[in-house]
N, C-alpha and C. Protein backbone atom coordinates (compact mmCIF):
# COMPACT_ATOMS: atom_id res chain seq x y z
N MET A 1 196.10 45.72 -68.51
CA MET A 1 195.54 45.46 -67.19
C MET A 1 194.89 44.09 -67.19
N ALA A 2 195.14 43.30 -66.18
CA ALA A 2 194.60 41.94 -66.09
C ALA A 2 193.11 41.98 -65.79
N SER A 3 192.41 40.98 -66.29
CA SER A 3 190.97 40.91 -66.02
C SER A 3 190.73 40.48 -64.58
N PRO A 4 189.55 40.82 -63.99
CA PRO A 4 189.24 40.39 -62.62
C PRO A 4 189.30 38.87 -62.49
N PHE A 5 188.90 38.15 -63.56
CA PHE A 5 188.95 36.69 -63.49
C PHE A 5 190.38 36.21 -63.32
N LEU A 6 191.31 36.78 -64.11
CA LEU A 6 192.71 36.39 -64.02
C LEU A 6 193.27 36.72 -62.64
N ALA A 7 192.92 37.89 -62.12
CA ALA A 7 193.39 38.28 -60.78
C ALA A 7 192.89 37.30 -59.73
N SER A 8 191.62 36.90 -59.81
CA SER A 8 191.10 35.96 -58.81
C SER A 8 191.71 34.58 -58.99
N LEU A 9 192.02 34.20 -60.23
CA LEU A 9 192.67 32.91 -60.48
C LEU A 9 194.06 32.90 -59.85
N GLN A 10 194.82 33.99 -60.03
CA GLN A 10 196.15 34.06 -59.45
C GLN A 10 196.07 34.02 -57.93
N LEU A 11 195.12 34.73 -57.34
CA LEU A 11 194.97 34.75 -55.89
C LEU A 11 194.57 33.37 -55.38
N SER A 12 193.65 32.70 -56.08
CA SER A 12 193.23 31.38 -55.60
C SER A 12 194.36 30.37 -55.71
N GLN A 13 195.21 30.49 -56.74
CA GLN A 13 196.35 29.59 -56.84
C GLN A 13 197.30 29.80 -55.68
N THR A 14 197.50 31.04 -55.29
CA THR A 14 198.39 31.34 -54.17
C THR A 14 197.81 30.78 -52.87
N LEU A 15 196.54 31.01 -52.62
CA LEU A 15 195.92 30.54 -51.39
C LEU A 15 195.79 29.02 -51.37
N GLY A 16 195.68 28.41 -52.54
CA GLY A 16 195.54 26.96 -52.61
C GLY A 16 196.73 26.22 -52.03
N VAL A 17 197.90 26.80 -52.08
CA VAL A 17 199.10 26.17 -51.53
C VAL A 17 198.91 25.89 -50.05
N PHE A 18 198.30 26.84 -49.32
CA PHE A 18 198.09 26.66 -47.89
C PHE A 18 197.13 25.50 -47.61
N ALA A 19 196.15 25.30 -48.50
CA ALA A 19 195.20 24.21 -48.31
C ALA A 19 195.88 22.85 -48.47
N LEU A 20 196.96 22.79 -49.23
CA LEU A 20 197.66 21.52 -49.44
C LEU A 20 198.46 21.08 -48.22
N PHE A 21 198.87 22.04 -47.38
CA PHE A 21 199.71 21.74 -46.24
C PHE A 21 199.12 22.32 -44.95
N PRO A 22 197.92 21.90 -44.54
CA PRO A 22 197.28 22.52 -43.38
C PRO A 22 198.07 22.36 -42.09
N ALA A 23 198.78 21.26 -41.91
CA ALA A 23 199.54 21.06 -40.68
C ALA A 23 200.69 22.05 -40.57
N ARG A 24 201.19 22.53 -41.68
CA ARG A 24 202.30 23.48 -41.68
C ARG A 24 201.83 24.92 -41.51
N CYS A 25 200.54 25.15 -41.62
CA CYS A 25 200.03 26.52 -41.59
C CYS A 25 198.96 26.71 -40.54
N GLN A 26 199.21 26.30 -39.31
CA GLN A 26 198.26 26.58 -38.25
C GLN A 26 198.13 28.08 -38.06
N VAL A 27 199.20 28.80 -38.28
CA VAL A 27 199.21 30.25 -38.12
C VAL A 27 199.52 30.85 -39.48
N CYS A 28 198.56 31.53 -40.06
CA CYS A 28 198.72 32.14 -41.37
C CYS A 28 198.37 33.61 -41.28
N ARG A 29 199.02 34.42 -42.08
CA ARG A 29 198.68 35.84 -42.13
C ARG A 29 198.53 36.23 -43.59
N PHE A 30 197.37 36.78 -43.90
CA PHE A 30 197.10 37.24 -45.24
C PHE A 30 196.81 38.73 -45.19
N SER A 31 197.31 39.47 -46.15
CA SER A 31 196.90 40.86 -46.27
C SER A 31 195.45 40.86 -46.72
N ARG A 32 194.72 41.89 -46.38
CA ARG A 32 193.33 41.98 -46.81
C ARG A 32 193.28 41.99 -48.33
N ILE A 33 192.34 41.26 -48.89
CA ILE A 33 192.21 41.18 -50.34
C ILE A 33 191.91 42.55 -50.93
N SER A 34 191.14 43.38 -50.21
CA SER A 34 190.81 44.70 -50.73
C SER A 34 192.05 45.57 -50.94
N ALA A 35 193.14 45.24 -50.27
CA ALA A 35 194.37 46.02 -50.43
C ALA A 35 195.12 45.66 -51.71
N CYS A 36 194.72 44.57 -52.36
CA CYS A 36 195.40 44.14 -53.58
C CYS A 36 194.90 44.95 -54.78
N GLN A 37 195.80 45.23 -55.68
CA GLN A 37 195.41 45.87 -56.92
C GLN A 37 195.07 44.78 -57.92
N PRO A 38 194.15 45.05 -58.86
CA PRO A 38 193.80 44.03 -59.85
C PRO A 38 195.05 43.52 -60.56
N GLY A 39 195.16 42.23 -60.67
CA GLY A 39 196.28 41.62 -61.36
C GLY A 39 197.52 41.45 -60.51
N LYS A 40 197.49 41.91 -59.26
CA LYS A 40 198.65 41.78 -58.38
C LYS A 40 198.25 40.95 -57.17
N LEU A 41 199.15 40.14 -56.72
CA LEU A 41 198.88 39.31 -55.56
C LEU A 41 199.18 40.09 -54.28
N GLY A 42 198.39 39.83 -53.26
CA GLY A 42 198.64 40.44 -51.96
C GLY A 42 199.89 39.83 -51.35
N LYS A 43 200.57 40.59 -50.54
CA LYS A 43 201.79 40.11 -49.91
C LYS A 43 201.42 39.20 -48.74
N VAL A 44 201.94 38.00 -48.76
CA VAL A 44 201.74 37.07 -47.66
C VAL A 44 203.04 37.05 -46.88
N THR A 45 202.97 37.45 -45.62
CA THR A 45 204.18 37.47 -44.81
C THR A 45 204.23 36.26 -43.91
N ARG A 46 205.39 35.91 -43.50
CA ARG A 46 205.58 34.76 -42.64
C ARG A 46 205.24 35.14 -41.20
N SER A 47 204.50 34.29 -40.54
CA SER A 47 204.13 34.55 -39.15
C SER A 47 205.35 34.41 -38.26
N PRO A 48 205.44 35.27 -37.25
CA PRO A 48 206.59 35.17 -36.34
C PRO A 48 206.50 33.91 -35.48
N ALA A 49 207.66 33.42 -35.08
CA ALA A 49 207.72 32.23 -34.23
C ALA A 49 207.36 32.56 -32.79
N VAL A 50 207.47 33.85 -32.43
CA VAL A 50 207.17 34.29 -31.07
C VAL A 50 206.15 35.43 -31.14
N LEU A 51 205.10 35.31 -30.36
CA LEU A 51 204.11 36.36 -30.19
C LEU A 51 204.11 36.78 -28.73
N VAL A 52 203.42 37.85 -28.40
CA VAL A 52 203.34 38.29 -27.01
C VAL A 52 201.90 38.47 -26.58
N HIS A 53 201.69 38.33 -25.27
CA HIS A 53 200.39 38.57 -24.65
C HIS A 53 200.60 39.53 -23.49
N LEU A 54 199.77 40.55 -23.42
CA LEU A 54 199.80 41.51 -22.31
C LEU A 54 198.95 40.98 -21.17
N CYS A 55 199.47 41.03 -19.96
CA CYS A 55 198.65 40.67 -18.82
C CYS A 55 199.21 41.33 -17.56
N GLY A 56 198.38 41.39 -16.55
CA GLY A 56 198.81 41.94 -15.28
C GLY A 56 199.54 40.87 -14.47
N ALA A 57 200.27 41.31 -13.48
CA ALA A 57 201.04 40.39 -12.64
C ALA A 57 200.12 39.40 -11.92
N GLU A 58 198.95 39.85 -11.47
CA GLU A 58 198.01 38.93 -10.80
C GLU A 58 197.49 37.86 -11.74
N GLU A 59 197.16 38.26 -12.97
CA GLU A 59 196.67 37.28 -13.95
C GLU A 59 197.74 36.23 -14.22
N TRP A 60 199.00 36.64 -14.33
CA TRP A 60 200.08 35.69 -14.58
C TRP A 60 200.26 34.76 -13.40
N SER A 61 200.12 35.27 -12.19
CA SER A 61 200.23 34.45 -10.99
C SER A 61 199.12 33.38 -10.97
N ARG A 62 197.90 33.79 -11.29
CA ARG A 62 196.77 32.82 -11.35
C ARG A 62 197.01 31.78 -12.44
N ALA A 63 197.55 32.21 -13.57
CA ALA A 63 197.81 31.28 -14.67
C ALA A 63 198.79 30.20 -14.25
N HIS A 64 199.79 30.57 -13.46
CA HIS A 64 200.76 29.58 -12.98
C HIS A 64 200.09 28.49 -12.18
N SER A 65 199.16 28.85 -11.31
CA SER A 65 198.49 27.83 -10.49
C SER A 65 197.53 26.98 -11.31
N ARG A 66 196.93 27.56 -12.36
CA ARG A 66 195.98 26.82 -13.21
C ARG A 66 196.66 26.08 -14.36
N GLY A 67 197.84 26.56 -14.75
CA GLY A 67 198.55 25.95 -15.88
C GLY A 67 198.18 26.56 -17.22
N ARG A 68 197.31 27.58 -17.21
CA ARG A 68 196.87 28.18 -18.47
C ARG A 68 196.14 29.50 -18.21
N ILE A 69 196.02 30.27 -19.27
CA ILE A 69 195.16 31.45 -19.27
C ILE A 69 193.99 31.10 -20.16
N ARG A 70 192.80 31.30 -19.65
CA ARG A 70 191.60 30.98 -20.43
C ARG A 70 191.22 32.14 -21.34
N PRO A 71 190.59 31.81 -22.48
CA PRO A 71 190.11 32.87 -23.37
C PRO A 71 189.02 33.69 -22.68
N GLU A 72 188.91 34.96 -23.12
CA GLU A 72 187.85 35.81 -22.62
C GLU A 72 186.52 35.29 -23.15
N SER A 73 185.47 35.49 -22.39
CA SER A 73 184.14 35.06 -22.79
C SER A 73 183.71 35.84 -24.02
N GLY A 74 183.00 35.16 -24.91
CA GLY A 74 182.44 35.81 -26.09
C GLY A 74 181.27 36.71 -25.74
N GLY A 75 180.71 36.52 -24.54
CA GLY A 75 179.60 37.34 -24.07
C GLY A 75 178.38 37.22 -24.95
N SER A 76 177.59 38.26 -24.98
CA SER A 76 176.35 38.23 -25.76
C SER A 76 176.59 38.50 -27.24
N SER A 77 177.84 38.81 -27.61
CA SER A 77 178.13 39.09 -29.02
C SER A 77 178.05 37.84 -29.88
N GLY A 78 178.11 36.67 -29.26
CA GLY A 78 178.05 35.43 -30.01
C GLY A 78 179.38 35.03 -30.62
N LYS A 79 180.42 35.83 -30.42
CA LYS A 79 181.74 35.51 -30.96
C LYS A 79 182.41 34.45 -30.11
N ALA A 80 183.21 33.62 -30.76
CA ALA A 80 183.96 32.61 -30.03
C ALA A 80 185.00 33.31 -29.14
N PRO A 81 185.22 32.79 -27.94
CA PRO A 81 186.21 33.41 -27.06
C PRO A 81 187.63 33.19 -27.58
N PHE A 82 188.47 34.21 -27.39
CA PHE A 82 189.86 34.11 -27.81
C PHE A 82 190.73 34.92 -26.88
N ILE A 83 192.05 34.70 -26.97
CA ILE A 83 193.03 35.44 -26.22
C ILE A 83 193.74 36.39 -27.18
N HIS A 84 193.79 37.67 -26.81
CA HIS A 84 194.46 38.67 -27.63
C HIS A 84 195.97 38.46 -27.57
N LEU A 85 196.60 38.37 -28.73
CA LEU A 85 198.05 38.30 -28.84
C LEU A 85 198.50 39.46 -29.73
N SER A 86 199.78 39.68 -29.79
CA SER A 86 200.35 40.73 -30.64
C SER A 86 201.74 40.31 -31.08
N THR A 87 202.24 41.02 -32.08
CA THR A 87 203.66 40.92 -32.41
C THR A 87 204.37 41.99 -31.58
N LEU A 88 205.68 41.91 -31.51
CA LEU A 88 206.42 42.95 -30.79
C LEU A 88 206.24 44.32 -31.45
N ASP A 89 206.07 44.34 -32.76
CA ASP A 89 205.91 45.60 -33.48
C ASP A 89 204.58 46.29 -33.20
N GLN A 90 203.58 45.55 -32.76
CA GLN A 90 202.26 46.15 -32.60
C GLN A 90 201.73 46.16 -31.18
N VAL A 91 202.42 45.56 -30.23
CA VAL A 91 201.88 45.41 -28.88
C VAL A 91 201.61 46.74 -28.19
N HIS A 92 202.34 47.79 -28.56
CA HIS A 92 202.10 49.09 -27.94
C HIS A 92 200.72 49.66 -28.29
N LEU A 93 200.14 49.26 -29.41
CA LEU A 93 198.82 49.78 -29.81
C LEU A 93 197.73 49.33 -28.84
N PRO A 94 197.56 48.02 -28.59
CA PRO A 94 196.55 47.64 -27.59
C PRO A 94 196.93 48.06 -26.17
N ALA A 95 198.22 48.11 -25.88
CA ALA A 95 198.64 48.55 -24.54
C ALA A 95 198.18 49.98 -24.28
N ASN A 96 198.36 50.85 -25.25
CA ASN A 96 197.94 52.24 -25.09
C ASN A 96 196.42 52.39 -25.11
N ARG A 97 195.75 51.57 -25.87
CA ARG A 97 194.29 51.64 -25.97
C ARG A 97 193.62 51.11 -24.70
N LEU A 98 194.17 50.04 -24.13
CA LEU A 98 193.49 49.35 -23.03
C LEU A 98 194.11 49.57 -21.65
N TYR A 99 195.41 49.83 -21.58
CA TYR A 99 196.10 49.84 -20.29
C TYR A 99 196.90 51.11 -20.03
N ARG A 100 196.58 52.19 -20.68
CA ARG A 100 197.34 53.44 -20.53
C ARG A 100 197.52 53.77 -19.04
N GLY A 101 198.78 53.98 -18.64
CA GLY A 101 199.08 54.35 -17.26
C GLY A 101 199.25 53.19 -16.30
N HIS A 102 198.88 51.98 -16.68
CA HIS A 102 199.06 50.82 -15.79
C HIS A 102 200.55 50.52 -15.66
N ASP A 103 200.99 50.26 -14.45
CA ASP A 103 202.42 49.99 -14.26
C ASP A 103 202.70 48.57 -13.80
N ASP A 104 201.70 47.69 -13.93
CA ASP A 104 201.90 46.30 -13.50
C ASP A 104 201.83 45.32 -14.67
N LEU A 105 201.99 45.81 -15.90
CA LEU A 105 201.86 44.92 -17.06
C LEU A 105 203.10 44.08 -17.30
N LEU A 106 202.84 42.88 -17.78
CA LEU A 106 203.90 41.97 -18.19
C LEU A 106 203.70 41.62 -19.65
N LEU A 107 204.80 41.36 -20.34
CA LEU A 107 204.75 40.80 -21.68
C LEU A 107 205.13 39.34 -21.58
N LEU A 108 204.19 38.48 -21.97
CA LEU A 108 204.47 37.05 -22.01
C LEU A 108 204.89 36.71 -23.44
N TYR A 109 206.09 36.21 -23.61
CA TYR A 109 206.60 35.81 -24.92
C TYR A 109 206.19 34.37 -25.15
N ILE A 110 205.51 34.13 -26.25
CA ILE A 110 204.87 32.84 -26.50
C ILE A 110 205.51 32.15 -27.70
N ASP A 111 205.88 30.90 -27.49
CA ASP A 111 206.38 30.05 -28.58
C ASP A 111 205.15 29.53 -29.33
N VAL A 112 204.93 30.03 -30.53
CA VAL A 112 203.74 29.68 -31.31
C VAL A 112 203.66 28.17 -31.56
N ALA A 113 204.79 27.52 -31.73
CA ALA A 113 204.81 26.08 -32.00
C ALA A 113 204.32 25.26 -30.80
N ALA A 114 204.32 25.84 -29.61
CA ALA A 114 203.89 25.12 -28.40
C ALA A 114 202.40 25.30 -28.10
N LEU A 115 201.67 26.00 -28.96
CA LEU A 115 200.24 26.21 -28.74
C LEU A 115 199.43 25.03 -29.24
N ASP A 116 198.36 24.72 -28.52
CA ASP A 116 197.49 23.60 -28.89
C ASP A 116 196.27 24.05 -29.68
N SER A 117 195.98 25.33 -29.66
CA SER A 117 194.79 25.88 -30.31
C SER A 117 195.20 26.77 -31.48
N PRO A 118 194.27 26.99 -32.41
CA PRO A 118 194.62 27.79 -33.59
C PRO A 118 194.77 29.27 -33.28
N VAL A 119 195.67 29.90 -34.04
CA VAL A 119 195.86 31.34 -34.01
C VAL A 119 195.34 31.88 -35.34
N ARG A 120 194.45 32.85 -35.25
CA ARG A 120 193.89 33.47 -36.46
C ARG A 120 194.28 34.95 -36.48
N TRP A 121 194.68 35.42 -37.63
CA TRP A 121 195.07 36.83 -37.81
C TRP A 121 193.84 37.59 -38.27
N GLU A 122 193.40 38.55 -37.44
CA GLU A 122 192.16 39.25 -37.70
C GLU A 122 192.34 40.76 -37.52
N PRO A 123 191.47 41.55 -38.16
CA PRO A 123 191.57 43.01 -38.02
C PRO A 123 191.41 43.46 -36.58
N GLY A 124 192.07 44.56 -36.26
CA GLY A 124 191.93 45.16 -34.93
C GLY A 124 190.76 46.12 -34.93
N VAL A 125 191.00 47.34 -34.51
CA VAL A 125 189.96 48.36 -34.48
C VAL A 125 190.23 49.40 -35.57
N ALA A 126 189.25 50.25 -35.82
CA ALA A 126 189.33 51.22 -36.91
C ALA A 126 190.53 52.16 -36.80
N THR A 127 191.00 52.43 -35.59
CA THR A 127 192.12 53.36 -35.43
C THR A 127 193.48 52.71 -35.66
N ASP A 128 193.53 51.39 -35.82
CA ASP A 128 194.80 50.73 -36.12
C ASP A 128 195.18 51.00 -37.57
N PRO A 129 196.46 50.90 -37.90
CA PRO A 129 196.87 51.11 -39.30
C PRO A 129 196.11 50.19 -40.25
N GLU A 130 195.79 50.71 -41.42
CA GLU A 130 195.01 49.95 -42.39
C GLU A 130 195.68 48.62 -42.72
N SER A 131 194.91 47.61 -42.80
CA SER A 131 195.29 46.24 -43.12
C SER A 131 196.14 45.57 -42.04
N MET A 132 196.26 46.18 -40.84
CA MET A 132 197.00 45.52 -39.76
C MET A 132 196.12 44.42 -39.18
N LEU A 133 196.69 43.26 -39.07
CA LEU A 133 195.99 42.11 -38.50
C LEU A 133 196.65 41.74 -37.18
N PHE A 134 195.83 41.31 -36.22
CA PHE A 134 196.33 40.90 -34.91
C PHE A 134 196.09 39.41 -34.73
N PRO A 135 197.02 38.72 -34.08
CA PRO A 135 196.82 37.29 -33.80
C PRO A 135 195.89 37.09 -32.62
N HIS A 136 194.93 36.20 -32.79
CA HIS A 136 194.00 35.82 -31.73
C HIS A 136 194.10 34.31 -31.52
N LEU A 137 194.29 33.91 -30.28
CA LEU A 137 194.40 32.49 -29.93
C LEU A 137 193.02 31.98 -29.54
N TYR A 138 192.48 31.05 -30.29
CA TYR A 138 191.15 30.50 -30.05
C TYR A 138 191.25 29.24 -29.20
N GLY A 139 191.57 29.44 -27.96
CA GLY A 139 191.72 28.37 -26.99
C GLY A 139 192.60 28.86 -25.86
N PRO A 140 192.85 28.02 -24.88
CA PRO A 140 193.67 28.45 -23.74
C PRO A 140 195.13 28.65 -24.12
N LEU A 141 195.79 29.51 -23.36
CA LEU A 141 197.22 29.75 -23.51
C LEU A 141 197.93 28.95 -22.43
N PRO A 142 198.57 27.82 -22.78
CA PRO A 142 199.24 27.01 -21.77
C PRO A 142 200.50 27.72 -21.25
N VAL A 143 200.71 27.64 -19.95
CA VAL A 143 201.89 28.26 -19.33
C VAL A 143 203.17 27.72 -19.96
N ARG A 144 203.18 26.46 -20.35
CA ARG A 144 204.37 25.86 -20.94
C ARG A 144 204.77 26.51 -22.27
N ALA A 145 203.85 27.24 -22.92
CA ALA A 145 204.16 27.92 -24.18
C ALA A 145 204.84 29.26 -23.96
N VAL A 146 204.84 29.74 -22.71
CA VAL A 146 205.47 31.03 -22.39
C VAL A 146 206.96 30.79 -22.16
N ILE A 147 207.78 31.42 -23.00
CA ILE A 147 209.23 31.17 -22.94
C ILE A 147 210.00 32.30 -22.27
N ARG A 148 209.33 33.42 -22.03
CA ARG A 148 209.99 34.56 -21.38
C ARG A 148 208.92 35.51 -20.86
N VAL A 149 209.21 36.18 -19.77
CA VAL A 149 208.29 37.17 -19.20
C VAL A 149 209.11 38.41 -18.86
N THR A 150 208.64 39.57 -19.31
CA THR A 150 209.32 40.83 -18.97
C THR A 150 208.27 41.85 -18.51
N ALA A 151 208.72 42.79 -17.71
CA ALA A 151 207.86 43.91 -17.32
C ALA A 151 207.69 44.83 -18.53
N TYR A 152 206.51 45.41 -18.66
CA TYR A 152 206.24 46.36 -19.75
C TYR A 152 205.71 47.63 -19.10
N ARG A 153 206.60 48.57 -18.89
CA ARG A 153 206.29 49.79 -18.14
C ARG A 153 205.99 50.95 -19.08
N PRO A 154 205.05 51.80 -18.68
CA PRO A 154 204.76 52.99 -19.50
C PRO A 154 205.81 54.08 -19.28
N ALA A 155 205.83 55.00 -20.21
CA ALA A 155 206.67 56.20 -20.07
C ALA A 155 206.06 57.09 -18.99
N PRO A 156 206.75 58.12 -18.55
CA PRO A 156 206.21 59.01 -17.50
C PRO A 156 204.83 59.59 -17.84
N ASP A 157 204.53 59.77 -19.13
CA ASP A 157 203.22 60.33 -19.50
C ASP A 157 202.12 59.26 -19.54
N GLY A 158 202.45 58.00 -19.20
CA GLY A 158 201.46 56.92 -19.16
C GLY A 158 201.33 56.13 -20.44
N THR A 159 202.02 56.54 -21.51
CA THR A 159 201.92 55.81 -22.78
C THR A 159 202.99 54.73 -22.85
N PHE A 160 202.69 53.71 -23.62
CA PHE A 160 203.62 52.60 -23.80
C PHE A 160 204.40 52.78 -25.10
N PRO A 161 205.71 52.67 -25.03
CA PRO A 161 206.53 52.74 -26.24
C PRO A 161 206.49 51.39 -26.95
N PRO A 162 206.95 51.34 -28.20
CA PRO A 162 207.08 50.02 -28.84
C PRO A 162 207.94 49.12 -27.95
N ALA A 163 207.65 47.84 -27.98
CA ALA A 163 208.37 46.87 -27.14
C ALA A 163 209.83 46.79 -27.55
N ALA A 164 210.68 46.57 -26.59
CA ALA A 164 212.11 46.39 -26.86
C ALA A 164 212.29 45.21 -27.79
N GLY A 165 213.12 45.39 -28.77
CA GLY A 165 213.36 44.30 -29.72
C GLY A 165 212.46 44.36 -30.93
N SER A 166 211.48 45.29 -30.93
CA SER A 166 210.62 45.40 -32.11
C SER A 166 211.36 46.19 -33.17
N HIS A 167 210.88 46.12 -34.39
CA HIS A 167 211.49 46.84 -35.50
C HIS A 167 210.74 48.12 -35.80
N ASP A 168 209.77 48.46 -34.96
CA ASP A 168 208.94 49.64 -35.17
C ASP A 168 209.72 50.87 -34.73
N SER A 169 209.86 51.81 -35.61
CA SER A 169 210.62 53.02 -35.27
C SER A 169 209.72 54.22 -35.03
N THR A 170 208.41 54.03 -35.05
CA THR A 170 207.49 55.16 -34.83
C THR A 170 207.16 55.32 -33.39
């Protein structure tokens, strides 16, 4: 069994690569370190080129006239404002949590390379699958970054299925 020092050395060498090429890694996704076993590196997956944002038809209409969607206020929590994004595989989770039964939702498909602000992968809520990280955009979402818009309708019982084109089979 590898020593904790060796495990941390291997992990720091892996993470150090990203520090060498910051312009290439505006969007990074790391598995939680706690999920790693001693002596084994956490799996680093490649971020998708396209993410999605859930919004209502009215919000999208307002965004067109403004040229962007603004981040939600951080409020009294002191957190920096951000825009919630998702992958196609996970978008049904926030849709069911926040918009169950809504029939006016749209999925905005976003070209990550066209974003001007950083995207950070952060934990969702306790009921999400362990170690699942969600992309958060820390800045405005420019309309020009939206490459496709589709309706996202719930099933008759009001729940949202996984998005079309996702690889999620649950």
